[in-house]
Every structure is written in structure tokens, then in C-alpha cells.
Amino acid sequence: MDIFENLISENGFVIAETACGHDGDIVKLERLIDVVSESQAEIIKFQIFLPKERATVDHHEWQIFNDLALTKKEWAHAAKYARNKNLIIFADIFGNESFQIAKEIKVDGFKIHSEDLLNTYFIEKVAKTNQTLLIGVGGAHRMEIYQLLCYLQQKDLCSNLILMPGVQTFPTSIESHSLEEIVDLNLMYKAFGVKVGFADHISGDLPEAISTPLMAFAKGACVVEKHFTINRNDQWEDYESALSKEDFSKFVDQVKILVPLLGSIGTLNKAEKKYRKSFKKTAIITSNEIKKSKILSSHIDFIKDPNNKIPLSSHQLVNTYLSDNISANTPLRLINTITSVGGIIVARCGSSRLPNKALLKIQDRETIALLIERIKRCKSLDKVILATSTDKSDDILEEIAKREGIFVFRGSLENLSFRFYEAAKYYKLDQIVRITGDDLLRDGDIIDSAIESHLYSSCNVTMTDNMPYGTASEIFSLKTLETILNTVQEPKNTEYLEYYLENERYFSVNRYKSDYSFNSDIRLTLDYDEDFELFKLIFNNLYPKDNAFNLQNVLDWLAKNPNAADINKNKTLKYKKSDLNLKLNI
């Protein structure tokens, strides 16, 4: 496991802090390790030191540290015992000798106490292990933190660092903790690539000893250190800030239940969908109306219909015209209104991976012409439009479109989605089928069926499911596209429009599922030479026999020629969905 990458608020990692709670007794330390294992916490932290690293012989704490120190052999035993419990091991270290012990017992991460924050070269040495490194910053001046990070950044050593605010005053008062500091440190030092955790030391007998670190996760702490003991009444060393065995287990349970709620907002969950289904009202027509009648606000009412939950608002319906006669009290759908549906093919000649791919020829036809030919067969499209750029290199695409008898729109070279939107607006489309020029085998039968499903469902978006890669289509309203373009956080990512459209947090989504059966490795899009080789095989085998062959014919042919799909199966997407910021400001 990549420990550093996994340490994020919503994963709720708790570092079980043993500190010196073992009283210098290895048997007691074993009991503490058992507590962590039983609690289902994943990380335990030992405090490894030699007395001379903590105090001088004449210091008043010398004897305390001397009594609490464990031997190298005992630390090796403790590490083995913890690993047998499948625990991740971190270690506080206080000097070169404890650092060496920690390395020898192969800990998974280190912590350097705030007392050593100015010991730059020691911190550098530990950071060079490239393991997760917690750095205590309690009581530190910001100049000290800033200068340390600047130094480590010059050495390229900031990639696994976690700043840990928090002080220990046996115990620390509640008001001495700052949750806002977590937010501020994250903001101030984000550019260094570091993370921020939280180390609280509130008295273990207070309810805030559980609620405060939970709040720390909510403020952005990637990990929380928590002291614990067996029984607070026994008063083992460092018990002041420690939770009892039972309370520590309850705390970990609370973390596991609550911190997943801090994760990024996803699609509507089951409860939200159930709520919509149970409570949302649906628009109905209040009187008998004839075909081509204009729908007025006085014609609409909303009722809680147990069988119909249609996501259309009054302002979407008012001033539209009926596509047929309709009876009073009928639920209103898009299919009841006169709606312009167009298929927009987006293509241009410029491509870094496969230049001029739209002009490559199969069966003496340009690939873009083969696609246009297929889309023109769709019975439910009022218009087929080729949207290309104003760049001179795309003049040839306009010529091909006109030759093939479809409409043309020319717009932005780089902003594909804006060009798409402008084309839809120019040709006064209400609903749009998005077709990329790379997808030569889009399925006309599925598009027609999906359009019918889309208009009946009246959702913002219809996605086609159970389709080979490169053959699925999305259908959506002009308003949906307009909303994305007006609110998108990263405009360049709208090239991957389908990722926005499928998010049910943003849009009402209808899904039309095909009944095709196929190998999920099949890739039917044109980005690479290997893709072109596969398309040539398919068209050369099927097109001469029937230029109107459909997707089922393709799947049947691939089933009989399984080696053909191997030609391009190792080609991948330019970006993974998880790599992209797909947020809208709505």
C-alpha cells in the first residue's frame, strides 16, 4: 500500500499513539498492541529513543527516560508482534541511534518531534528514506516551518511530508487546540506538496477527546494521532491524554462511520433516489388540448403521481407546442412536445496521435464519410450536422459534409464543446445526440431507440449502456450543455463531456441498455494506427456485402474472428476519469 497517498481525510486513518504508555515494560507494550489490533485501527506508533537523545544526565527528566527506554531487541520483538497483527508501524525518533533502530526493525513511517524542528540535517536524513514522515510543528513559528520546507524542497524531499500541529501539556486544555490551524497549514503549504494531520492531547476522560479529532478530519486532517491506554485508573505513563481501551475502540468506530462522509460528492445515493421517487411531483396537463396547441402556465398543474416521476419543470414546458392531442390529467413528457433533435458529429483534421484520421480511406471512402453515412440512416434525427473548426486545414471536412448532404458548422479550433454548443444553437436544436468523429461504428438502431427513451423519460441526459467502447451515445438537452459550459471548473476537460453528463448529482439521467453480448476488451474508436487496422478489417469484410451493416453484424464478425480485436486491445485512454477535475459550480 502507498501509505502517504492513502492518508486522506475521508479514509480516516488513526495513528494509535503508544508514547511511553508501556512504562518501559515490553509485556505492557504487547497489551497495547493488542488494543490497537482489536480496535481495527491500522497504524500504531512507537516512541523509540535512547535516554541521551531526550535529556542530559544532569537533567531532571534523565531518570524518567532511562526507566522508560526499551532495548533494541525489545523494539525488534514489538515490531514483529505488531506485524503479526497486520499493523502499519510508525516510529517517533529523536536522534541518529533511534533512527537506526527504527530502520533496522523496518518501520513504515517516521515522526520527528517538534523539539527537533530546527535539526534540519537530521530531518533531511530521515526524509531521504522516501517513507512517510510526520513532522511535529506544535509551538513552532511559521518562519521555522517555512524555511524548513524551502530547504527540503530544494532537495526534492517534500513529497512524503505531513505537518502535525498539536502540543502536549499533560493534558492539553481544549482551548489550546486549534482546528482552524489545520485549514491554514493546508492552504499555506499546499504548494510544497505536503499534507497536514492533527495530534490532540485533550484529557482522555472528556467527551471532547473523541469529538475534537473527528472535527479535525472534517477540517482536512489527513491523519489523527490518538493516545490510548488500557485503563486510565492504572495511570500508566502518558495516561493523561489517553483514551481507555473501550473509549479508543469507540473512537475508531466513530471514525470509520463518519469520515467517509467527508469524501467528494458523488452521484445521488440510494436514499436520495428513493426520496425522489417517493416525494417528487409530476407536471400534468389540466385540460384536453389539441395537436400544436401552445402550452400555457394555466394548462399545467403538479401532482404526486405514484407511477410517474418526470423531471420536467413548468418553465421547461410553458410556451412549447404539443406534438399530438392530449387528454386532461395526462403527465407531460418531452415526447408530448414538438422537439428538434439533431445529431452533431464533431471532427477536425488536427490530431497528435493520428493526424488527418478523418481523411483516411477505407473502401475508397474517408472515415468521416463512412460515419456520416451511418448516422444519416437514423430515423429519429431531424438534422445531422458536422461541427468542425474554422482552421483552413478543416476546409476539406466542410466539402465532404456538403458532398454527403448534411449540415455544417464551423467554430472554435480548440474548444470542442463550445463549438458543439454553438452548432446546436445555430441550428436551433432542443435535444442533441453527441457523436465523435472517431467512432465509425455508432449504432443507428440504438440511437433511434435511445432518442425515443430520452423523450419519454424527459431526463436531462440519456446514456446508452452495455455498448462496446466507441459505440455508446449520449443524448441531452441544449440547456444541459449550456449549464456545463457556464459552470465548469476546468473548461479543457469538457472534451470528456460524457463524464459530466453521467453524474446524477448534477443531472437527471436516463439509461438505455442494449441487449448486445460482446467481449469487453473490444475497442471501436479511431485514435491509433492499430485502431485504423481493425476498422479496415471490419469494413473490408462487411461493407462490400452490405454498406448498411449494423453493429450486431460487427459483433458477429468479431466473434468469428477473435484475433482481430487483439490488434488494438492494448491501447488506452489519454486520461483516466480519476485524473480529471469534473466539477461544476452548481
Foldseek 3Di string as FASTA:
>chain_A
DQVLVQLWLLNLAAEAEAELLQQQPLVQLLVSLVLCLVLPHAHYEEEAEDLVLPDDPPDPCSVVRNRSHYDLVSVLVSLVSNVVSVHQYEYEYRDDVSVVSCVVSPHQEYEYACVCLQVLVVVLVRLVVVGAYEYEQEPHDVVSVVVSLVVCVVVVRQQRYEYEYEDCPLHDDPVSDDLVVQLVVCVVCVVSNYHYAYEHQAFQVDPCLQVVNNVSSLSIHSYYYAYAHADLVVVRPSSRRHHHSVVVSVSSVCSNPPSNVSDDDFFDDPVRVVCLLQDAWFKWFAAWDAFFDFDALVRIDTDNDNVARAPDDSVNRHRFTAHGTDGGPHGDFLPRTDFAEAEEEEDAQDAPADGRQQQDDAPNGGLLLLQVVQQVPQPPHPFYEYQYAPDPRRPVVCVSCVVSPGHYHHHDHQQRLVSVLVVCVVVVGFKYKYHYSFQSAAFSVQVNVQVVVCRGSRWQKEWEPPDAASHIIMMGGSVVSVQCCVFPPDSNVCVPVVVLVVRNVRIGYHYHYDPDDADNLAHRTDRHPLNVQLVNVQCVVPCVVPSNDHVVVSRVVCVVVVVSRVSCSPDDDPDDPVVDDNDTPD
